[in-house]
């Protein structure tokens, strides 16, 4: 799972009000080089929950070069910063671990496969 995907996921557990961001625990990552596209990165930035991305990237040890805050224009011209964002969003692949709802602590795990994200009713 790419961190771009993780940044857009939230819990739909019964009774959960926010359910974002999902906590990543027991994670194993791989990195895969992907062609750098600065235009894509600048277009996707406005759709991200930036603080959640920085938090999980730092937790996984891949947050080097990510600014703590985005500029107000949400347009980045510095190529090194764009490459750091590109790396965190697209080149880091969480291949196994657990996703945990921040409100209920319910977790689902996966191991190199698509996880069953359906929730059992309690």
Protein backbone atom coordinates (compact mmCIF):
# COMPACT_ATOMS: atom_id res chain seq x y z
CA UNK A 1 0.00 0.00 0.00
CA UNK A 2 1.40 3.36 -0.98
CA UNK A 3 1.36 6.20 1.55
CA UNK A 4 -0.77 8.11 -0.96
CA UNK A 5 -3.44 5.42 -0.53
CA UNK A 6 -3.03 5.36 3.24
CA UNK A 7 -3.54 9.12 3.37
CA UNK A 8 -6.98 8.77 1.83
CA UNK A 9 -8.24 5.86 3.94
CA UNK A 10 -10.34 6.16 7.07
CA UNK A 11 -12.20 3.87 9.40
CA UNK A 12 -15.86 3.15 8.87
CA UNK A 13 -16.36 1.29 12.15
CA UNK A 14 -19.81 1.70 13.64
CA UNK A 15 -19.99 4.78 15.86
CA UNK A 16 -16.72 6.30 14.64
CA UNK A 17 -16.91 10.04 14.07
CA UNK A 18 -13.58 10.79 12.36
CA UNK A 19 -11.59 7.56 11.97
CA UNK A 20 -8.61 9.32 10.41
CA UNK A 21 -5.71 8.78 10.13
CA UNK A 22 -5.50 5.03 10.43
CA UNK A 23 -2.51 3.97 12.51
CA UNK A 24 0.06 1.81 10.75
CA UNK A 25 1.66 -0.71 13.09
CA UNK A 26 3.94 -3.71 12.68
CA UNK A 27 4.76 -2.40 9.22
CA UNK A 28 7.26 -3.75 6.75
CA UNK A 29 8.15 -1.54 3.80
CA UNK A 30 9.88 -1.84 0.46
CA UNK A 31 10.93 0.95 -1.83
CA UNK A 32 10.47 0.81 -5.57
CA UNK A 33 11.76 3.51 -7.89
CA UNK A 34 9.01 5.26 -9.84
CA UNK A 35 9.46 7.93 -12.50
CA UNK A 36 9.48 11.40 -10.94
CA UNK A 37 6.61 13.64 -12.04
CA UNK A 38 6.74 17.04 -10.29
CA UNK A 39 3.49 18.22 -11.89
CA UNK A 40 1.59 15.27 -10.39
CA UNK A 41 3.08 15.93 -6.95
CA UNK A 42 2.08 19.61 -7.05
CA UNK A 43 -1.45 18.70 -8.16
CA UNK A 44 -2.00 16.02 -5.49
CA UNK A 45 -0.67 18.06 -2.54
CA UNK A 46 -3.93 19.96 -2.05
CA UNK A 47 -5.81 16.67 -1.64
CA UNK A 48 -3.58 15.33 1.11
CA UNK A 49 -3.92 15.55 4.85
CA UNK A 50 -0.37 16.84 5.17
CA UNK A 51 0.23 16.37 8.90
CA UNK A 52 -0.95 12.73 8.69
CA UNK A 53 1.45 12.06 5.80
CA UNK A 54 4.41 13.59 7.64
CA UNK A 55 3.54 11.66 10.81
CA UNK A 56 3.34 8.24 9.14
CA UNK A 57 6.38 8.90 6.93
CA UNK A 58 8.44 9.79 10.00
CA UNK A 59 7.08 6.75 11.84
CA UNK A 60 8.23 4.51 8.98
CA UNK A 61 11.60 6.28 8.71
CA UNK A 62 10.98 7.73 5.24
CA UNK A 63 10.10 11.32 6.14
CA UNK A 64 13.50 12.86 5.50
CA UNK A 65 13.16 16.04 3.47
CA UNK A 66 9.41 16.46 4.04
CA UNK A 67 8.53 19.93 5.30
CA UNK A 68 6.55 20.00 8.54
CA UNK A 69 4.14 22.48 6.97
CA UNK A 70 3.25 23.25 3.37
CA UNK A 71 3.51 26.77 1.98
CA UNK A 72 0.17 28.59 1.88
CA UNK A 73 0.12 28.42 -1.91
CA UNK A 74 0.51 24.62 -1.68
CA UNK A 75 2.80 24.96 -4.70
CA UNK A 76 6.36 23.70 -4.25
CA UNK A 77 9.16 24.78 -6.57
CA UNK A 78 12.13 23.21 -4.78
CA UNK A 79 13.03 20.01 -6.66
CA UNK A 80 14.59 18.30 -3.62
CA UNK A 81 11.40 18.82 -1.61
CA UNK A 82 9.27 17.56 -4.51
CA UNK A 83 11.46 14.46 -4.77
CA UNK A 84 11.13 13.81 -1.03
CA UNK A 85 7.33 14.04 -1.31
CA UNK A 86 7.37 11.83 -4.41
CA UNK A 87 9.45 9.25 -2.56
CA UNK A 88 7.16 9.17 0.48
CA UNK A 89 3.92 9.08 -1.50
CA UNK A 90 4.78 6.77 -4.38
CA UNK A 91 8.03 4.88 -3.89
CA UNK A 92 7.44 3.61 -0.36
CA UNK A 93 5.27 0.49 -0.36
CA UNK A 94 3.95 -0.86 2.94
CA UNK A 95 3.86 -4.57 2.15
CA UNK A 96 2.57 -5.87 5.45
CA UNK A 97 1.34 -4.59 8.77
CA UNK A 98 -1.81 -3.54 10.56
CA UNK A 99 -4.21 -0.66 10.06
CA UNK A 100 -5.83 0.44 13.30
CA UNK A 101 -8.83 2.72 13.78
CA UNK A 102 -7.72 5.67 15.94
CA UNK A 103 -11.05 5.76 17.80
CA UNK A 104 -11.94 2.11 18.37
CA UNK A 105 -8.49 0.47 18.14
CA UNK A 106 -9.99 -2.18 15.84
CA UNK A 107 -7.27 -3.42 13.52
CA UNK A 108 -7.00 -5.33 10.28
CA UNK A 109 -3.76 -6.81 9.03
CA UNK A 110 -2.38 -7.81 5.67
CA UNK A 111 0.60 -9.76 4.39
CA UNK A 112 1.67 -8.94 0.81
CA UNK A 113 -1.93 -9.27 -0.37
CA UNK A 114 -5.03 -7.17 -0.55
CA UNK A 115 -6.45 -6.95 2.93
CA UNK A 116 -10.02 -7.85 3.79
CA UNK A 117 -11.17 -4.43 4.95
CA UNK A 118 -14.74 -5.46 5.72
CA UNK A 119 -15.78 -4.86 9.29
CA UNK A 120 -17.70 -7.31 11.41
CA UNK A 121 -20.66 -5.78 13.19
CA UNK A 122 -20.30 -5.91 16.98
